[in-house]
Amino acid sequence: MIRPLGDKLLVKPTEAKEVKKGGIIIPDTAKEKPQEGEVIAVGTGKKTDDGKVIALDVKAGDKVLFGKYSGTEVKIDDAEYLIMSQDDILGIIG
């Protein structure tokens, strides 16, 4: 597994649900990227200019909401994840 550095997070996006409109099944290529997921791992925190570490607000296991084009996609053992900064997280769900 990957251990993120600094203020980075490893997020597993939730699976996109199949959308039917008027009996038409929308193909995978037309589905929007999911904008929520579960935090799998977190970095140690953000370093300030004077060397202090600011702890992250999110922790592993949190369900989060993030921007549509946030993060960098990575594939680990045939599973897709996003690596993103805590600044890309819009909120914690629940």
PDB file of N, CA and C in Angstrom:
ATOM      1  N   MET A   1       0.853  -1.185   0.000  1.00  0.00           N
ATOM      2  CA  MET A   1       0.000   0.000   0.000  1.00  0.00           C
ATOM      3  C   MET A   1       0.891   1.238   0.000  1.00  0.00           C
ATOM      4  N   ILE A   2       0.348   2.316  -0.417  1.00  0.00           N
ATOM      5  CA  ILE A   2       1.080   3.579  -0.487  1.00  0.00           C
ATOM      6  C   ILE A   2       0.878   4.368   0.807  1.00  0.00           C
ATOM      7  N   ARG A   3       1.952   4.967   1.310  1.00  0.00           N
ATOM      8  CA  ARG A   3       1.861   5.863   2.464  1.00  0.00           C
ATOM      9  C   ARG A   3       2.071   7.274   1.947  1.00  0.00           C
ATOM     10  N   PRO A   4       0.997   8.097   1.956  1.00  0.00           N
ATOM     11  CA  PRO A   4       1.125   9.467   1.460  1.00  0.00           C
ATOM     12  C   PRO A   4       2.073  10.297   2.327  1.00  0.00           C
ATOM     13  N   LEU A   5       2.693  11.293   1.724  1.00  0.00           N
ATOM     14  CA  LEU A   5       3.610  12.179   2.430  1.00  0.00           C
ATOM     15  C   LEU A   5       2.956  13.530   2.687  1.00  0.00           C
ATOM     16  N   GLY A   6       3.419  14.224   3.710  1.00  0.00           N
ATOM     17  CA  GLY A   6       2.962  15.582   3.995  1.00  0.00           C
ATOM     18  C   GLY A   6       1.459  15.674   4.187  1.00  0.00           C
ATOM     19  N   ASP A   7       0.828  16.600   3.444  1.00  0.00           N
ATOM     20  CA  ASP A   7      -0.618  16.810   3.593  1.00  0.00           C
ATOM     21  C   ASP A   7      -1.418  16.042   2.539  1.00  0.00           C
ATOM     22  N   LYS A   8      -0.837  14.984   1.994  1.00  0.00           N
ATOM     23  CA  LYS A   8      -1.509  14.194   0.962  1.00  0.00           C
ATOM     24  C   LYS A   8      -2.358  13.080   1.572  1.00  0.00           C
ATOM     25  N   LEU A   9      -3.399  12.674   0.813  1.00  0.00           N
ATOM     26  CA  LEU A   9      -4.324  11.626   1.234  1.00  0.00           C
ATOM     27  C   LEU A   9      -4.447  10.598   0.125  1.00  0.00           C
ATOM     28  N   LEU A  10      -4.706   9.351   0.474  1.00  0.00           N
ATOM     29  CA  LEU A  10      -5.038   8.310  -0.489  1.00  0.00           C
ATOM     30  C   LEU A  10      -6.529   8.040  -0.319  1.00  0.00           C
ATOM     31  N   VAL A  11      -7.308   8.271  -1.387  1.00  0.00           N
ATOM     32  CA  VAL A  11      -8.764   8.162  -1.325  1.00  0.00           C
ATOM     33  C   VAL A  11      -9.230   7.123  -2.325  1.00  0.00           C
ATOM     34  N   LYS A  12     -10.145   6.238  -1.905  1.00  0.00           N
ATOM     35  CA  LYS A  12     -10.772   5.284  -2.809  1.00  0.00           C
ATOM     36  C   LYS A  12     -12.133   5.851  -3.176  1.00  0.00           C
ATOM     37  N   PRO A  13     -12.314   6.258  -4.449  1.00  0.00           N
ATOM     38  CA  PRO A  13     -13.606   6.810  -4.867  1.00  0.00           C
ATOM     39  C   PRO A  13     -14.702   5.749  -4.766  1.00  0.00           C
ATOM     40  N   THR A  14     -15.915   6.185  -4.438  1.00  0.00           N
ATOM     41  CA  THR A  14     -17.044   5.259  -4.416  1.00  0.00           C
ATOM     42  C   THR A  14     -17.406   4.908  -5.846  1.00  0.00           C
ATOM     43  N   GLU A  15     -17.959   3.740  -6.031  1.00  0.00           N
ATOM     44  CA  GLU A  15     -18.338   3.295  -7.374  1.00  0.00           C
ATOM     45  C   GLU A  15     -19.500   4.130  -7.902  1.00  0.00           C
ATOM     46  N   ALA A  16     -19.419   4.514  -9.176  1.00  0.00           N
ATOM     47  CA  ALA A  16     -20.508   5.254  -9.816  1.00  0.00           C
ATOM     48  C   ALA A  16     -21.683   4.307 -10.016  1.00  0.00           C
ATOM     49  N   LYS A  17     -22.877   4.772  -9.670  1.00  0.00           N
ATOM     50  CA  LYS A  17     -24.064   3.952  -9.832  1.00  0.00           C
ATOM     51  C   LYS A  17     -24.559   4.056 -11.269  1.00  0.00           C
ATOM     52  N   GLU A  18     -25.120   2.945 -11.775  1.00  0.00           N
ATOM     53  CA  GLU A  18     -25.647   2.938 -13.136  1.00  0.00           C
ATOM     54  C   GLU A  18     -26.882   3.831 -13.190  1.00  0.00           C
ATOM     55  N   VAL A  19     -26.904   4.734 -14.141  1.00  0.00           N
ATOM     56  CA  VAL A  19     -27.991   5.699 -14.254  1.00  0.00           C
ATOM     57  C   VAL A  19     -28.884   5.315 -15.425  1.00  0.00           C
ATOM     58  N   LYS A  20     -30.194   5.251 -15.159  1.00  0.00           N
ATOM     59  CA  LYS A  20     -31.146   4.968 -16.237  1.00  0.00           C
ATOM     60  C   LYS A  20     -32.079   6.161 -16.367  1.00  0.00           C
ATOM     61  N   LYS A  21     -32.210   6.656 -17.575  1.00  0.00           N
ATOM     62  CA  LYS A  21     -33.124   7.769 -17.835  1.00  0.00           C
ATOM     63  C   LYS A  21     -34.061   7.346 -18.944  1.00  0.00           C
ATOM     64  N   GLY A  22     -35.330   7.204 -18.631  1.00  0.00           N
ATOM     65  CA  GLY A  22     -36.306   6.833 -19.646  1.00  0.00           C
ATOM     66  C   GLY A  22     -36.053   5.459 -20.229  1.00  0.00           C
ATOM     67  N   GLY A  23     -35.517   4.536 -19.422  1.00  0.00           N
ATOM     68  CA  GLY A  23     -35.266   3.186 -19.890  1.00  0.00           C
ATOM     69  C   GLY A  23     -33.964   3.022 -20.665  1.00  0.00           C
ATOM     70  N   ILE A  24     -33.166   4.086 -20.802  1.00  0.00           N
ATOM     71  CA  ILE A  24     -31.900   4.016 -21.530  1.00  0.00           C
ATOM     72  C   ILE A  24     -30.770   3.875 -20.526  1.00  0.00           C
ATOM     73  N   ILE A  25     -29.933   2.879 -20.745  1.00  0.00           N
ATOM     74  CA  ILE A  25     -28.776   2.688 -19.860  1.00  0.00           C
ATOM     75  C   ILE A  25     -27.640   3.548 -20.396  1.00  0.00           C
ATOM     76  N   ILE A  26     -27.090   4.387 -19.530  1.00  0.00           N
ATOM     77  CA  ILE A  26     -26.009   5.284 -19.921  1.00  0.00           C
ATOM     78  C   ILE A  26     -24.691   4.502 -19.879  1.00  0.00           C
ATOM     79  N   PRO A  27     -23.910   4.508 -20.953  1.00  0.00           N
ATOM     80  CA  PRO A  27     -22.656   3.744 -20.965  1.00  0.00           C
ATOM     81  C   PRO A  27     -21.635   4.310 -19.985  1.00  0.00           C
ATOM     82  N   ASP A  28     -20.667   3.451 -19.618  1.00  0.00           N
ATOM     83  CA  ASP A  28     -19.623   3.847 -18.653  1.00  0.00           C
ATOM     84  C   ASP A  28     -18.869   5.091 -19.094  1.00  0.00           C
ATOM     85  N   THR A  29     -18.653   5.261 -20.374  1.00  0.00           N
ATOM     86  CA  THR A  29     -17.879   6.400 -20.864  1.00  0.00           C
ATOM     87  C   THR A  29     -18.602   7.721 -20.658  1.00  0.00           C
ATOM     88  N   ALA A  30     -19.920   7.693 -20.502  1.00  0.00           N
ATOM     89  CA  ALA A  30     -20.691   8.923 -20.327  1.00  0.00           C
ATOM     90  C   ALA A  30     -20.970   9.236 -18.862  1.00  0.00           C
ATOM     91  N   LYS A  31     -20.632   8.317 -17.966  1.00  0.00           N
ATOM     92  CA  LYS A  31     -20.882   8.542 -16.537  1.00  0.00           C
ATOM     93  C   LYS A  31     -19.885   9.556 -15.995  1.00  0.00           C
ATOM     94  N   GLU A  32     -20.343  10.336 -15.029  1.00  0.00           N
ATOM     95  CA  GLU A  32     -19.459  11.317 -14.396  1.00  0.00           C
ATOM     96  C   GLU A  32     -18.599  10.632 -13.349  1.00  0.00           C
ATOM     97  N   LYS A  33     -17.432  11.211 -13.106  1.00  0.00           N
ATOM     98  CA  LYS A  33     -16.551  10.693 -12.064  1.00  0.00           C
ATOM     99  C   LYS A  33     -17.235  10.864 -10.710  1.00  0.00           C
ATOM    100  N   PRO A  34     -17.088   9.894  -9.812  1.00  0.00           N
ATOM    101  CA  PRO A  34     -17.643  10.073  -8.473  1.00  0.00           C
ATOM    102  C   PRO A  34     -16.920  11.195  -7.747  1.00  0.00           C
ATOM    103  N   GLN A  35     -17.649  11.891  -6.892  1.00  0.00           N
ATOM    104  CA  GLN A  35     -17.061  13.011  -6.169  1.00  0.00           C
ATOM    105  C   GLN A  35     -17.017  12.753  -4.675  1.00  0.00           C
ATOM    106  N   GLU A  36     -17.167  11.504  -4.300  1.00  0.00           N
ATOM    107  CA  GLU A  36     -17.010  11.165  -2.896  1.00  0.00           C
ATOM    108  C   GLU A  36     -16.260   9.847  -2.797  1.00  0.00           C
ATOM    109  N   GLY A  37     -15.665   9.640  -1.641  1.00  0.00           N
ATOM    110  CA  GLY A  37     -14.885   8.435  -1.454  1.00  0.00           C
ATOM    111  C   GLY A  37     -14.496   8.254  -0.005  1.00  0.00           C
ATOM    112  N   GLU A  38     -13.703   7.220   0.234  1.00  0.00           N
ATOM    113  CA  GLU A  38     -13.252   6.903   1.581  1.00  0.00           C
ATOM    114  C   GLU A  38     -11.749   7.116   1.667  1.00  0.00           C
ATOM    115  N   VAL A  39     -11.323   7.778   2.722  1.00  0.00           N
ATOM    116  CA  VAL A  39      -9.894   8.009   2.945  1.00  0.00           C
ATOM    117  C   VAL A  39      -9.273   6.688   3.408  1.00  0.00           C
ATOM    118  N   ILE A  40      -8.256   6.228   2.691  1.00  0.00           N
ATOM    119  CA  ILE A  40      -7.589   4.972   3.005  1.00  0.00           C
ATOM    120  C   ILE A  40      -6.348   5.221   3.862  1.00  0.00           C
ATOM    121  N   ALA A  41      -5.579   6.259   3.532  1.00  0.00           N
ATOM    122  CA  ALA A  41      -4.358   6.569   4.284  1.00  0.00           C
ATOM    123  C   ALA A  41      -4.112   8.073   4.227  1.00  0.00           C
ATOM    124  N   VAL A  42      -3.455   8.599   5.246  1.00  0.00           N
ATOM    125  CA  VAL A  42      -3.147  10.031   5.305  1.00  0.00           C
ATOM    126  C   VAL A  42      -1.667  10.231   5.590  1.00  0.00           C
ATOM    127  N   GLY A  43      -1.162  11.381   5.162  1.00  0.00           N
ATOM    128  CA  GLY A  43       0.219  11.745   5.446  1.00  0.00           C
ATOM    129  C   GLY A  43       0.366  12.241   6.874  1.00  0.00           C
ATOM    130  N   THR A  44       1.559  12.688   7.207  1.00  0.00           N
ATOM    131  CA  THR A  44       1.852  13.118   8.580  1.00  0.00           C
ATOM    132  C   THR A  44       1.337  14.507   8.901  1.00  0.00           C
ATOM    133  N   GLY A  45       1.114  15.333   7.882  1.00  0.00           N
ATOM    134  CA  GLY A  45       0.630  16.687   8.102  1.00  0.00           C
ATOM    135  C   GLY A  45       1.409  17.683   7.274  1.00  0.00           C
ATOM    136  N   LYS A  46       0.936  18.906   7.289  1.00  0.00           N
ATOM    137  CA  LYS A  46       1.563  19.969   6.495  1.00  0.00           C
ATOM    138  C   LYS A  46       2.639  20.667   7.318  1.00  0.00           C
ATOM    139  N   LYS A  47       3.814  20.847   6.715  1.00  0.00           N
ATOM    140  CA  LYS A  47       4.908  21.539   7.396  1.00  0.00           C
ATOM    141  C   LYS A  47       4.813  23.032   7.135  1.00  0.00           C
ATOM    142  N   THR A  48       4.986  23.811   8.192  1.00  0.00           N
ATOM    143  CA  THR A  48       5.009  25.257   8.069  1.00  0.00           C
ATOM    144  C   THR A  48       6.432  25.702   7.736  1.00  0.00           C
ATOM    145  N   ASP A  49       6.595  26.981   7.443  1.00  0.00           N
ATOM    146  CA  ASP A  49       7.909  27.515   7.100  1.00  0.00           C
ATOM    147  C   ASP A  49       8.918  27.384   8.243  1.00  0.00           C
ATOM    148  N   ASP A  50       8.422  27.401   9.483  1.00  0.00           N
ATOM    149  CA  ASP A  50       9.344  27.291  10.618  1.00  0.00           C
ATOM    150  C   ASP A  50       9.554  25.837  11.068  1.00  0.00           C
ATOM    151  N   GLY A  51       9.061  24.849  10.280  1.00  0.00           N
ATOM    152  CA  GLY A  51       9.335  23.442  10.549  1.00  0.00           C
ATOM    153  C   GLY A  51       8.313  22.718  11.400  1.00  0.00           C
ATOM    154  N   LYS A  52       7.281  23.412  11.884  1.00  0.00           N
ATOM    155  CA  LYS A  52       6.250  22.752  12.680  1.00  0.00           C
ATOM    156  C   LYS A  52       5.319  21.977  11.749  1.00  0.00           C
ATOM    157  N   VAL A  53       4.742  20.903  12.264  1.00  0.00           N
ATOM    158  CA  VAL A  53       3.819  20.075  11.480  1.00  0.00           C
ATOM    159  C   VAL A  53       2.401  20.323  11.971  1.00  0.00           C
ATOM    160  N   ILE A  54       1.518  20.685  11.035  1.00  0.00           N
ATOM    161  CA  ILE A  54       0.106  20.899  11.347  1.00  0.00           C
ATOM    162  C   ILE A  54      -0.628  19.609  11.011  1.00  0.00           C
ATOM    163  N   ALA A  55      -1.290  19.004  11.996  1.00  0.00           N
ATOM    164  CA  ALA A  55      -1.997  17.737  11.796  1.00  0.00           C
ATOM    165  C   ALA A  55      -3.145  17.916  10.806  1.00  0.00           C
ATOM    166  N   LEU A  56      -3.497  16.843  10.098  1.00  0.00           N
ATOM    167  CA  LEU A  56      -4.589  16.879   9.134  1.00  0.00           C
ATOM    168  C   LEU A  56      -5.935  16.766   9.849  1.00  0.00           C
ATOM    169  N   ASP A  57      -6.966  17.334   9.232  1.00  0.00           N
ATOM    170  CA  ASP A  57      -8.313  17.286   9.801  1.00  0.00           C
ATOM    171  C   ASP A  57      -9.030  15.985   9.486  1.00  0.00           C
ATOM    172  N   VAL A  58      -8.598  15.274   8.444  1.00  0.00           N
ATOM    173  CA  VAL A  58      -9.241  14.020   8.066  1.00  0.00           C
ATOM    174  C   VAL A  58      -8.368  12.848   8.511  1.00  0.00           C
ATOM    175  N   LYS A  59      -9.006  11.697   8.681  1.00  0.00           N
ATOM    176  CA  LYS A  59      -8.276  10.501   9.093  1.00  0.00           C
ATOM    177  C   LYS A  59      -8.738   9.317   8.258  1.00  0.00           C
ATOM    178  N   ALA A  60      -7.989   8.241   8.276  1.00  0.00           N
ATOM    179  CA  ALA A  60      -8.347   7.044   7.526  1.00  0.00           C
ATOM    180  C   ALA A  60      -9.727   6.560   7.971  1.00  0.00           C
ATOM    181  N   GLY A  61     -10.557   6.193   7.010  1.00  0.00           N
ATOM    182  CA  GLY A  61     -11.915   5.733   7.298  1.00  0.00           C
ATOM    183  C   GLY A  61     -12.979   6.792   7.101  1.00  0.00           C
ATOM    184  N   ASP A  62     -12.589   8.078   7.033  1.00  0.00           N
ATOM    185  CA  ASP A  62     -13.565   9.150   6.812  1.00  0.00           C
ATOM    186  C   ASP A  62     -14.146   9.075   5.400  1.00  0.00           C
ATOM    187  N   LYS A  63     -15.438   9.325   5.273  1.00  0.00           N
ATOM    188  CA  LYS A  63     -16.088   9.483   3.969  1.00  0.00           C
ATOM    189  C   LYS A  63     -16.000  10.968   3.631  1.00  0.00           C
ATOM    190  N   VAL A  64     -15.459  11.285   2.441  1.00  0.00           N
ATOM    191  CA  VAL A  64     -15.212  12.684   2.097  1.00  0.00           C
ATOM    192  C   VAL A  64     -15.836  13.045   0.755  1.00  0.00           C
ATOM    193  N   LEU A  65     -16.051  14.322   0.578  1.00  0.00           N
ATOM    194  CA  LEU A  65     -16.543  14.900  -0.660  1.00  0.00           C
ATOM    195  C   LEU A  65     -15.416  15.751  -1.224  1.00  0.00           C
ATOM    196  N   PHE A  66     -15.120  15.574  -2.533  1.00  0.00           N
ATOM    197  CA  PHE A  66     -14.019  16.320  -3.136  1.00  0.00           C
ATOM    198  C   PHE A  66     -14.437  16.873  -4.483  1.00  0.00           C
ATOM    199  N   GLY A  67     -13.658  17.806  -5.014  1.00  0.00           N
ATOM    200  CA  GLY A  67     -13.948  18.434  -6.293  1.00  0.00           C
ATOM    201  C   GLY A  67     -13.882  17.438  -7.443  1.00  0.00           C
ATOM    202  N   LYS A  68     -14.616  17.737  -8.508  1.00  0.00           N
ATOM    203  CA  LYS A  68     -14.746  16.827  -9.644  1.00  0.00           C
ATOM    204  C   LYS A  68     -13.416  16.454 -10.279  1.00  0.00           C
ATOM    205  N   TYR A  69     -12.502  17.386 -10.396  1.00  0.00           N
ATOM    206  CA  TYR A  69     -11.225  17.126 -11.065  1.00  0.00           C
ATOM    207  C   TYR A  69     -10.053  17.121 -10.088  1.00  0.00           C
ATOM    208  N   SER A  70     -10.313  16.778  -8.832  1.00  0.00           N
ATOM    209  CA  SER A  70      -9.278  16.784  -7.797  1.00  0.00           C
ATOM    210  C   SER A  70      -8.421  15.532  -7.852  1.00  0.00           C
ATOM    211  N   GLY A  71      -7.199  15.680  -7.432  1.00  0.00           N
ATOM    212  CA  GLY A  71      -6.323  14.546  -7.227  1.00  0.00           C
ATOM    213  C   GLY A  71      -5.689  13.983  -8.477  1.00  0.00           C
ATOM    214  N   THR A  72      -4.814  13.025  -8.249  1.00  0.00           N
ATOM    215  CA  THR A  72      -4.114  12.301  -9.300  1.00  0.00           C
ATOM    216  C   THR A  72      -4.528  10.842  -9.213  1.00  0.00           C
ATOM    217  N   GLU A  73      -4.987  10.288 -10.324  1.00  0.00           N
ATOM    218  CA  GLU A  73      -5.440   8.908 -10.336  1.00  0.00           C
ATOM    219  C   GLU A  73      -4.246   7.957 -10.341  1.00  0.00           C
ATOM    220  N   VAL A  74      -4.310   6.918  -9.490  1.00  0.00           N
ATOM    221  CA  VAL A  74      -3.297   5.870  -9.457  1.00  0.00           C
ATOM    222  C   VAL A  74      -4.000   4.524  -9.390  1.00  0.00           C
ATOM    223  N   LYS A  75      -3.360   3.495  -9.928  1.00  0.00           N
ATOM    224  CA  LYS A  75      -3.926   2.147  -9.902  1.00  0.00           C
ATOM    225  C   LYS A  75      -2.987   1.254  -9.106  1.00  0.00           C
ATOM    226  N   ILE A  76      -3.527   0.615  -8.062  1.00  0.00           N
ATOM    227  CA  ILE A  76      -2.751  -0.257  -7.200  1.00  0.00           C
ATOM    228  C   ILE A  76      -3.489  -1.595  -7.116  1.00  0.00           C
ATOM    229  N   ASP A  77      -2.842  -2.665  -7.537  1.00  0.00           N
ATOM    230  CA  ASP A  77      -3.450  -4.003  -7.499  1.00  0.00           C
ATOM    231  C   ASP A  77      -4.840  -4.023  -8.136  1.00  0.00           C
ATOM    232  N   ASP A  78      -4.962  -3.450  -9.313  1.00  0.00           N
ATOM    233  CA  ASP A  78      -6.212  -3.394 -10.093  1.00  0.00           C
ATOM    234  C   ASP A  78      -7.323  -2.582  -9.426  1.00  0.00           C
ATOM    235  N   ALA A  79      -7.024  -1.816  -8.409  1.00  0.00           N
ATOM    236  CA  ALA A  79      -8.008  -0.920  -7.790  1.00  0.00           C
ATOM    237  C   ALA A  79      -7.574   0.518  -8.066  1.00  0.00           C
ATOM    238  N   GLU A  80      -8.552   1.386  -8.318  1.00  0.00           N
ATOM    239  CA  GLU A  80      -8.239   2.788  -8.618  1.00  0.00           C
ATOM    240  C   GLU A  80      -8.386   3.649  -7.374  1.00  0.00           C
ATOM    241  N   TYR A  81      -7.414   4.526  -7.182  1.00  0.00           N
ATOM    242  CA  TYR A  81      -7.368   5.440  -6.047  1.00  0.00           C
ATOM    243  C   TYR A  81      -7.049   6.843  -6.552  1.00  0.00           C
ATOM    244  N   LEU A  82      -7.221   7.810  -5.664  1.00  0.00           N
ATOM    245  CA  LEU A  82      -6.810   9.188  -5.926  1.00  0.00           C
ATOM    246  C   LEU A  82      -5.841   9.605  -4.835  1.00  0.00           C
ATOM    247  N   ILE A  83      -4.770  10.278  -5.230  1.00  0.00           N
ATOM    248  CA  ILE A  83      -3.893  10.918  -4.259  1.00  0.00           C
ATOM    249  C   ILE A  83      -4.159  12.410  -4.384  1.00  0.00           C
ATOM    250  N   MET A  84      -4.530  13.029  -3.274  1.00  0.00           N
ATOM    251  CA  MET A  84      -4.876  14.450  -3.302  1.00  0.00           C
ATOM    252  C   MET A  84      -4.426  15.134  -2.033  1.00  0.00           C
ATOM    253  N   SER A  85      -4.396  16.441  -2.104  1.00  0.00           N
ATOM    254  CA  SER A  85      -4.054  17.268  -0.962  1.00  0.00           C
ATOM    255  C   SER A  85      -5.289  17.438  -0.084  1.00  0.00           C
ATOM    256  N   GLN A  86      -5.076  17.671   1.195  1.00  0.00           N
ATOM    257  CA  GLN A  86      -6.221  17.930   2.069  1.00  0.00           C
ATOM    258  C   GLN A  86      -7.012  19.145   1.582  1.00  0.00           C
ATOM    259  N   ASP A  87      -6.349  20.086   0.909  1.00  0.00           N
ATOM    260  CA  ASP A  87      -7.041  21.280   0.400  1.00  0.00           C
ATOM    261  C   ASP A  87      -8.079  20.936  -0.662  1.00  0.00           C
ATOM    262  N   ASP A  88      -7.964  19.757  -1.316  1.00  0.00           N
ATOM    263  CA  ASP A  88      -8.937  19.333  -2.308  1.00  0.00           C
ATOM    264  C   ASP A  88     -10.220  18.772  -1.693  1.00  0.00           C
ATOM    265  N   ILE A  89     -10.192  18.471  -0.402  1.00  0.00           N
ATOM    266  CA  ILE A  89     -11.361  17.921   0.287  1.00  0.00           C
ATOM    267  C   ILE A  89     -12.315  19.063   0.605  1.00  0.00           C
ATOM    268  N   LEU A  90     -13.580  18.892   0.170  1.00  0.00           N
ATOM    269  CA  LEU A  90     -14.590  19.914   0.407  1.00  0.00           C
ATOM    270  C   LEU A  90     -15.286  19.713   1.754  1.00  0.00           C
ATOM    271  N   GLY A  91     -15.388  18.469   2.190  1.00  0.00           N
ATOM    272  CA  GLY A  91     -16.038  18.209   3.470  1.00  0.00           C
ATOM    273  C   GLY A  91     -16.018  16.737   3.814  1.00  0.00           C
ATOM    274  N   ILE A  92     -16.333  16.440   5.087  1.00  0.00           N
ATOM    275  CA  ILE A  92     -16.433  15.074   5.582  1.00  0.00           C
ATOM    276  C   ILE A  92     -17.910  14.737   5.679  1.00  0.00           C
ATOM    277  N   ILE A  93     -18.292  13.577   5.141  1.00  0.00           N
ATOM    278  CA  ILE A  93     -19.702  13.154   5.136  1.00  0.00           C
ATOM    279  C   ILE A  93     -19.985  12.391   6.415  1.00  0.00           C
ATOM    280  N   GLY A  94     -21.083  12.761   7.091  1.00  0.00           N
ATOM    281  CA  GLY A  94     -21.539  12.039   8.289  1.00  0.00           C
ATOM    282  C   GLY A  94     -20.825  12.463   9.470  1.00  0.00           C
TER     283      GLY A  94
END
